[in-house]
Each structure stands twice: as structure tokens, then as C-alpha cells.
């Protein structure tokens, strides 16, 4: 290992043990994450649940699982369950957009104020 590689490795390890400065840009990123995270978590969870429900309905229609669990005619039940899951999947994105828009409106003032400060600091330097 030559001197440059060694120095790079030492600096990389040292940065893990030094305290990081918390800048306004870090604050802006954290605020942006605070806006987006709840909507993203909802969309992933709701989408996963709707896919599981739709898949359950498909399983009832396409296999003999209904007969094994005691459902005499699993076709209509499976179709209804599949359609419910499909509708949930279809409305997932509009709900996500509504949540995200509401949170953007709520935090828009803080984000605009902070981004303006950061942009003005860059011009002064």
C-alpha cells in the first residue's frame, strides 16, 4: 500500500470518529424527509396490504384452497376479494398525493425560508 492509499484510508476512518457539523443544508434535508416520509410509509404499507388482499382473491379463484377451507363456491368470493384489493391498489396513489400535498403546504413556509437563507449565504461568500 503506497503513501496516498494509506493516507486516504486513515482520513476515511478518522471522519467516522469526528463530530459532524450540522449545517442549514442538513436541516433542510431533514425537513424535506419529514415532509415525505409519512406519505411514503403509508403508500408502501397500504400498497402491500392491497396486493396481499388482491392475491388472496386470485388464489381463491384459481386454486382449490376455497374447498380446503370450507367455502363451497370460492369463485364469487375470490372475485369480490380480488376486486377489493384491486380498488385499494388503484386508490393508493391518489391518497399518497393528497397526503404529500397536505404536508407540503404545512411545511412550505419553513422550507422556503430556510432555502432562501441557504441561497443567500452562497451569494455572500
N, C-alpha and C. Protein backbone atom coordinates (compact mmCIF):
# COMPACT_ATOMS: atom_id res chain seq x y z
N UNK A 1 0.86 -1.17 0.00
CA UNK A 1 0.00 0.00 0.00
C UNK A 1 0.90 1.23 0.00
N UNK A 2 0.69 2.11 -0.98
CA UNK A 2 1.54 3.30 -1.05
C UNK A 2 1.05 4.38 -0.09
N UNK A 3 1.79 5.45 0.00
CA UNK A 3 1.50 6.51 0.97
C UNK A 3 0.16 7.18 0.76
N UNK A 4 -0.23 7.42 -0.51
CA UNK A 4 -1.51 8.07 -0.79
C UNK A 4 -2.69 7.19 -0.37
N UNK A 5 -2.58 5.90 -0.65
CA UNK A 5 -3.65 4.98 -0.26
C UNK A 5 -3.79 4.92 1.26
N UNK A 6 -2.67 4.88 1.93
CA UNK A 6 -2.67 4.82 3.39
C UNK A 6 -3.28 6.08 3.98
N UNK A 7 -2.90 7.23 3.44
CA UNK A 7 -3.42 8.50 3.93
C UNK A 7 -4.94 8.58 3.71
N UNK A 8 -5.40 8.13 2.53
CA UNK A 8 -6.83 8.14 2.24
C UNK A 8 -7.58 7.26 3.23
N UNK A 9 -7.06 6.09 3.49
CA UNK A 9 -7.70 5.16 4.42
C UNK A 9 -7.75 5.73 5.83
N UNK A 10 -6.67 6.36 6.25
CA UNK A 10 -6.63 6.96 7.58
C UNK A 10 -7.65 8.09 7.69
N UNK A 11 -7.75 8.94 6.66
CA UNK A 11 -8.71 10.05 6.68
C UNK A 11 -10.15 9.51 6.70
N UNK A 12 -10.38 8.46 5.93
CA UNK A 12 -11.72 7.88 5.88
C UNK A 12 -12.13 7.34 7.25
N UNK A 13 -11.23 6.67 7.93
CA UNK A 13 -11.53 6.14 9.25
C UNK A 13 -11.69 7.27 10.26
N UNK A 14 -10.85 8.29 10.17
CA UNK A 14 -10.94 9.41 11.11
C UNK A 14 -12.28 10.14 11.02
N UNK A 15 -12.81 10.27 9.81
CA UNK A 15 -14.07 11.00 9.65
C UNK A 15 -15.22 10.30 10.35
N UNK A 16 -15.10 9.00 10.55
CA UNK A 16 -16.15 8.27 11.26
C UNK A 16 -16.18 8.60 12.75
N UNK A 17 -15.07 9.11 13.27
CA UNK A 17 -14.97 9.37 14.71
C UNK A 17 -14.95 10.85 15.05
N UNK A 18 -15.07 11.70 14.08
CA UNK A 18 -15.14 13.14 14.36
C UNK A 18 -16.59 13.58 14.32
N UNK A 19 -16.90 14.60 15.08
CA UNK A 19 -18.26 15.12 15.11
C UNK A 19 -18.54 15.88 13.82
N UNK A 20 -19.70 15.64 13.30
CA UNK A 20 -20.09 16.30 12.06
C UNK A 20 -20.79 17.62 12.38
N UNK A 21 -20.48 18.64 11.60
CA UNK A 21 -21.16 19.92 11.78
C UNK A 21 -22.58 19.80 11.22
N UNK A 22 -23.51 20.37 11.93
CA UNK A 22 -24.90 20.35 11.50
C UNK A 22 -25.17 21.68 10.80
N UNK A 23 -25.29 21.65 9.48
CA UNK A 23 -25.46 22.87 8.70
C UNK A 23 -26.94 23.11 8.39
N UNK A 24 -27.20 24.26 7.80
CA UNK A 24 -28.56 24.57 7.39
C UNK A 24 -29.03 23.66 6.27
N UNK A 25 -28.08 23.21 5.44
CA UNK A 25 -28.44 22.28 4.38
C UNK A 25 -28.89 20.93 4.96
N UNK A 26 -28.22 20.49 6.04
CA UNK A 26 -28.65 19.27 6.72
C UNK A 26 -30.05 19.46 7.31
N UNK A 27 -30.30 20.64 7.84
CA UNK A 27 -31.62 20.94 8.40
C UNK A 27 -32.70 20.92 7.31
N UNK A 28 -32.35 21.46 6.13
CA UNK A 28 -33.29 21.46 5.01
C UNK A 28 -33.58 20.03 4.54
N UNK A 29 -32.55 19.21 4.46
CA UNK A 29 -32.74 17.80 4.08
C UNK A 29 -33.63 17.08 5.08
N UNK A 30 -33.39 17.32 6.37
CA UNK A 30 -34.20 16.68 7.42
C UNK A 30 -35.65 17.12 7.33
N UNK A 31 -35.87 18.39 7.04
CA UNK A 31 -37.23 18.91 6.91
C UNK A 31 -37.92 18.30 5.69
N UNK A 32 -37.19 18.15 4.60
CA UNK A 32 -37.73 17.53 3.39
C UNK A 32 -38.12 16.08 3.67
N UNK A 33 -37.27 15.37 4.40
CA UNK A 33 -37.56 13.99 4.77
C UNK A 33 -38.79 13.92 5.67
N UNK A 34 -38.90 14.88 6.58
CA UNK A 34 -40.05 14.93 7.50
C UNK A 34 -41.35 15.12 6.73
N UNK A 35 -41.29 15.83 5.62
CA UNK A 35 -42.47 16.05 4.79
C UNK A 35 -42.84 14.76 4.05
N UNK A 36 -41.86 14.09 3.47
CA UNK A 36 -42.13 12.96 2.57
C UNK A 36 -42.31 11.61 3.27
N UNK A 37 -41.64 11.38 4.38
CA UNK A 37 -41.62 10.05 4.99
C UNK A 37 -43.00 9.50 5.35
N UNK A 38 -43.89 10.25 6.02
CA UNK A 38 -45.19 9.66 6.37
C UNK A 38 -46.00 9.22 5.14
N UNK A 39 -45.97 10.02 4.09
CA UNK A 39 -46.70 9.64 2.87
C UNK A 39 -46.08 8.40 2.23
N UNK A 40 -44.75 8.32 2.21
CA UNK A 40 -44.09 7.15 1.63
C UNK A 40 -44.39 5.89 2.43
N UNK A 41 -44.32 5.99 3.74
CA UNK A 41 -44.58 4.82 4.59
C UNK A 41 -46.02 4.36 4.38
N UNK A 42 -46.96 5.29 4.36
CA UNK A 42 -48.35 4.92 4.13
C UNK A 42 -48.51 4.21 2.79
N UNK A 43 -47.92 4.78 1.74
CA UNK A 43 -48.09 4.21 0.40
C UNK A 43 -47.52 2.80 0.32
N UNK A 44 -46.36 2.58 0.91
CA UNK A 44 -45.76 1.24 0.88
C UNK A 44 -46.60 0.24 1.67
N UNK A 45 -47.04 0.61 2.86
CA UNK A 45 -47.81 -0.31 3.70
C UNK A 45 -49.18 -0.58 3.07
N UNK A 46 -49.88 0.46 2.67
CA UNK A 46 -51.21 0.30 2.07
C UNK A 46 -51.12 -0.48 0.76
N UNK A 47 -50.11 -0.19 -0.05
CA UNK A 47 -49.92 -0.91 -1.31
C UNK A 47 -49.63 -2.38 -1.08
N UNK A 48 -48.82 -2.67 -0.09
CA UNK A 48 -48.51 -4.08 0.22
C UNK A 48 -49.75 -4.83 0.70
N UNK A 49 -50.52 -4.18 1.56
CA UNK A 49 -51.75 -4.82 2.05
C UNK A 49 -52.72 -5.05 0.91
N UNK A 50 -52.86 -4.07 0.03
CA UNK A 50 -53.79 -4.24 -1.09
C UNK A 50 -53.33 -5.34 -2.03
N UNK A 51 -52.02 -5.47 -2.24
CA UNK A 51 -51.51 -6.55 -3.09
C UNK A 51 -51.77 -7.92 -2.46
N UNK A 52 -51.63 -8.00 -1.15
CA UNK A 52 -51.90 -9.27 -0.46
C UNK A 52 -53.39 -9.63 -0.56
N UNK A 53 -54.26 -8.65 -0.39
CA UNK A 53 -55.70 -8.90 -0.50
C UNK A 53 -56.06 -9.33 -1.92
N UNK A 54 -55.53 -8.62 -2.91
CA UNK A 54 -55.81 -8.97 -4.29
C UNK A 54 -55.28 -10.38 -4.61
N UNK A 55 -54.11 -10.69 -4.12
CA UNK A 55 -53.54 -12.01 -4.34
C UNK A 55 -54.35 -13.11 -3.66
N UNK A 56 -54.90 -12.80 -2.49
CA UNK A 56 -55.75 -13.77 -1.80
C UNK A 56 -56.99 -14.08 -2.63
N UNK A 57 -57.58 -13.04 -3.19
CA UNK A 57 -58.75 -13.24 -4.05
C UNK A 57 -58.41 -14.05 -5.28
N UNK A 58 -57.27 -13.77 -5.87
CA UNK A 58 -56.84 -14.53 -7.04
C UNK A 58 -56.60 -16.00 -6.68
N UNK A 59 -56.04 -16.24 -5.51
CA UNK A 59 -55.79 -17.61 -5.07
C UNK A 59 -57.10 -18.38 -4.89
N UNK A 60 -58.10 -17.71 -4.35
CA UNK A 60 -59.39 -18.36 -4.19
C UNK A 60 -60.01 -18.72 -5.55
N UNK A 61 -59.83 -17.86 -6.53
CA UNK A 61 -60.41 -18.10 -7.84
C UNK A 61 -59.65 -19.19 -8.60
N UNK A 62 -58.34 -19.17 -8.52
CA UNK A 62 -57.52 -20.02 -9.40
C UNK A 62 -57.12 -21.37 -8.79
N UNK A 63 -57.31 -21.58 -7.52
CA UNK A 63 -56.89 -22.84 -6.90
C UNK A 63 -58.06 -23.46 -6.15
N UNK A 64 -57.80 -24.58 -5.52
CA UNK A 64 -58.84 -25.26 -4.75
C UNK A 64 -58.71 -24.97 -3.24
N UNK A 65 -58.08 -23.87 -2.89
CA UNK A 65 -57.93 -23.50 -1.48
C UNK A 65 -59.29 -23.27 -0.84
N UNK A 66 -60.23 -22.71 -1.59
CA UNK A 66 -61.56 -22.45 -1.06
C UNK A 66 -62.22 -23.72 -0.58
N UNK A 67 -62.10 -24.80 -1.34
CA UNK A 67 -62.69 -26.07 -0.94
C UNK A 67 -62.01 -26.61 0.32
N UNK A 68 -60.72 -26.38 0.44
CA UNK A 68 -59.99 -26.88 1.61
C UNK A 68 -60.35 -26.13 2.89
N UNK A 69 -60.71 -24.85 2.76
CA UNK A 69 -61.06 -24.08 3.96
C UNK A 69 -62.56 -24.08 4.22
N UNK A 70 -63.33 -24.75 3.36
CA UNK A 70 -64.75 -24.91 3.62
C UNK A 70 -65.66 -23.95 2.89
N UNK A 71 -65.16 -23.23 1.91
CA UNK A 71 -66.01 -22.33 1.11
C UNK A 71 -66.53 -23.15 -0.06
N UNK A 72 -67.85 -23.28 -0.15
CA UNK A 72 -68.45 -24.14 -1.18
C UNK A 72 -68.15 -23.62 -2.58
N UNK A 73 -68.44 -22.36 -2.84
CA UNK A 73 -68.19 -21.77 -4.15
C UNK A 73 -67.21 -20.61 -3.96
N UNK A 74 -65.94 -20.89 -4.20
CA UNK A 74 -64.92 -19.87 -3.91
C UNK A 74 -64.75 -18.85 -5.03
N UNK A 75 -65.30 -19.14 -6.21
CA UNK A 75 -65.14 -18.22 -7.34
C UNK A 75 -65.72 -16.84 -7.06
N UNK A 76 -67.01 -16.69 -6.68
CA UNK A 76 -67.55 -15.35 -6.44
C UNK A 76 -66.87 -14.64 -5.26
N UNK A 77 -66.58 -15.40 -4.21
CA UNK A 77 -65.90 -14.80 -3.05
C UNK A 77 -64.52 -14.30 -3.45
N UNK A 78 -63.80 -15.10 -4.23
CA UNK A 78 -62.46 -14.71 -4.67
C UNK A 78 -62.48 -13.50 -5.58
N UNK A 79 -63.48 -13.43 -6.44
CA UNK A 79 -63.60 -12.27 -7.34
C UNK A 79 -63.84 -11.00 -6.53
N UNK A 80 -64.74 -11.08 -5.55
CA UNK A 80 -65.04 -9.91 -4.73
C UNK A 80 -63.80 -9.48 -3.94
N UNK A 81 -63.11 -10.43 -3.33
CA UNK A 81 -61.90 -10.10 -2.56
C UNK A 81 -60.83 -9.52 -3.49
N UNK A 82 -60.66 -10.10 -4.67
CA UNK A 82 -59.68 -9.59 -5.63
C UNK A 82 -60.00 -8.18 -6.08
N UNK A 83 -61.27 -7.89 -6.33
CA UNK A 83 -61.68 -6.55 -6.75
C UNK A 83 -61.46 -5.54 -5.63
N UNK A 84 -61.73 -5.94 -4.38
CA UNK A 84 -61.47 -5.05 -3.25
C UNK A 84 -59.98 -4.70 -3.19
N UNK A 85 -59.12 -5.70 -3.33
CA UNK A 85 -57.68 -5.46 -3.32
C UNK A 85 -57.24 -4.59 -4.48
N UNK A 86 -57.83 -4.82 -5.66
CA UNK A 86 -57.51 -4.02 -6.83
C UNK A 86 -57.91 -2.57 -6.64
N UNK A 87 -59.10 -2.34 -6.09
CA UNK A 87 -59.55 -0.96 -5.83
C UNK A 87 -58.65 -0.26 -4.81
N UNK A 88 -58.23 -1.02 -3.81
CA UNK A 88 -57.30 -0.44 -2.82
C UNK A 88 -55.99 -0.02 -3.50
N UNK A 89 -55.50 -0.88 -4.41
CA UNK A 89 -54.26 -0.55 -5.11
C UNK A 89 -54.44 0.67 -6.01
N UNK A 90 -55.61 0.79 -6.63
CA UNK A 90 -55.87 1.92 -7.53
C UNK A 90 -55.94 3.24 -6.76
N UNK A 91 -56.55 3.23 -5.57
CA UNK A 91 -56.69 4.49 -4.83
C UNK A 91 -55.45 4.83 -4.00
N UNK A 92 -54.47 3.94 -3.98
CA UNK A 92 -53.27 4.18 -3.19
C UNK A 92 -52.55 5.47 -3.63
N UNK A 93 -52.32 5.62 -4.92
CA UNK A 93 -51.57 6.79 -5.40
C UNK A 93 -52.31 8.11 -5.14
N UNK A 94 -53.61 8.21 -5.42
CA UNK A 94 -54.29 9.48 -5.09
C UNK A 94 -54.23 9.82 -3.60
N UNK A 95 -54.34 8.80 -2.74
CA UNK A 95 -54.24 9.07 -1.30
C UNK A 95 -52.85 9.56 -0.96
N UNK A 96 -51.84 8.92 -1.53
CA UNK A 96 -50.44 9.33 -1.33
C UNK A 96 -50.24 10.78 -1.75
N UNK A 97 -50.73 11.13 -2.93
CA UNK A 97 -50.59 12.50 -3.43
C UNK A 97 -51.28 13.51 -2.51
N UNK A 98 -52.46 13.15 -2.03
CA UNK A 98 -53.20 14.05 -1.13
C UNK A 98 -52.43 14.26 0.17
N UNK A 99 -51.89 13.18 0.72
CA UNK A 99 -51.11 13.30 1.95
C UNK A 99 -49.87 14.16 1.72
N UNK A 100 -49.18 13.90 0.63
CA UNK A 100 -47.96 14.64 0.33
C UNK A 100 -48.25 16.12 0.09
N UNK A 101 -49.30 16.41 -0.64
CA UNK A 101 -49.67 17.81 -0.88
C UNK A 101 -50.02 18.53 0.42
N UNK A 102 -50.75 17.85 1.30
CA UNK A 102 -51.10 18.46 2.59
C UNK A 102 -49.87 18.76 3.43
N UNK A 103 -48.93 17.83 3.46
CA UNK A 103 -47.70 18.04 4.23
C UNK A 103 -46.82 19.11 3.58
N UNK A 104 -46.81 19.16 2.26
CA UNK A 104 -46.03 20.21 1.57
C UNK A 104 -46.58 21.59 1.91
N UNK A 105 -47.89 21.72 1.92
CA UNK A 105 -48.50 23.00 2.26
C UNK A 105 -48.18 23.38 3.70
N UNK A 106 -48.19 22.38 4.58
CA UNK A 106 -47.93 22.63 6.00
C UNK A 106 -46.51 23.12 6.24
N UNK A 107 -45.55 22.56 5.54
CA UNK A 107 -44.14 22.89 5.77
C UNK A 107 -43.53 23.82 4.72
N UNK A 108 -44.32 24.27 3.77
CA UNK A 108 -43.79 25.10 2.68
C UNK A 108 -43.12 26.37 3.19
N UNK A 109 -43.72 27.03 4.15
CA UNK A 109 -43.15 28.27 4.68
C UNK A 109 -41.78 28.07 5.27
N UNK A 110 -41.63 27.04 6.11
CA UNK A 110 -40.33 26.76 6.73
C UNK A 110 -39.28 26.40 5.69
N UNK A 111 -39.67 25.57 4.73
CA UNK A 111 -38.72 25.13 3.72
C UNK A 111 -38.30 26.29 2.83
N UNK A 112 -39.23 27.11 2.44
CA UNK A 112 -38.89 28.26 1.59
C UNK A 112 -37.99 29.25 2.33
N UNK A 113 -38.30 29.49 3.59
CA UNK A 113 -37.49 30.40 4.40
C UNK A 113 -36.06 29.89 4.56
N UNK A 114 -35.94 28.62 4.88
CA UNK A 114 -34.62 28.03 5.08
C UNK A 114 -33.84 27.94 3.78
N UNK A 115 -34.51 27.59 2.69
CA UNK A 115 -33.81 27.51 1.40
C UNK A 115 -33.36 28.91 0.94
N UNK A 116 -34.17 29.91 1.24
CA UNK A 116 -33.78 31.28 0.89
C UNK A 116 -32.52 31.70 1.65
N UNK A 117 -32.45 31.36 2.94
CA UNK A 117 -31.26 31.65 3.73
C UNK A 117 -30.02 30.97 3.18
N UNK A 118 -30.19 29.71 2.79
CA UNK A 118 -29.05 28.96 2.25
C UNK A 118 -28.59 29.57 0.93
N UNK A 119 -29.52 29.93 0.08
CA UNK A 119 -29.16 30.52 -1.22
C UNK A 119 -28.52 31.89 -1.04
N UNK A 120 -28.98 32.67 -0.07
CA UNK A 120 -28.39 33.98 0.17
C UNK A 120 -26.98 33.86 0.77
N UNK A 121 -26.75 32.83 1.58
CA UNK A 121 -25.39 32.61 2.12
C UNK A 121 -24.40 32.32 1.01
N UNK A 122 -24.86 31.56 0.01
CA UNK A 122 -23.99 31.22 -1.12
C UNK A 122 -23.62 32.44 -1.94
N UNK A 123 -24.51 33.42 -2.02
CA UNK A 123 -24.24 34.64 -2.80
C UNK A 123 -23.29 35.57 -2.08
N UNK A 124 -23.35 35.56 -0.70
CA UNK A 124 -22.50 36.45 0.07
C UNK A 124 -21.04 36.00 0.07
N UNK A 125 -20.82 34.70 -0.04
CA UNK A 125 -19.45 34.17 0.05
C UNK A 125 -18.64 34.47 -1.17
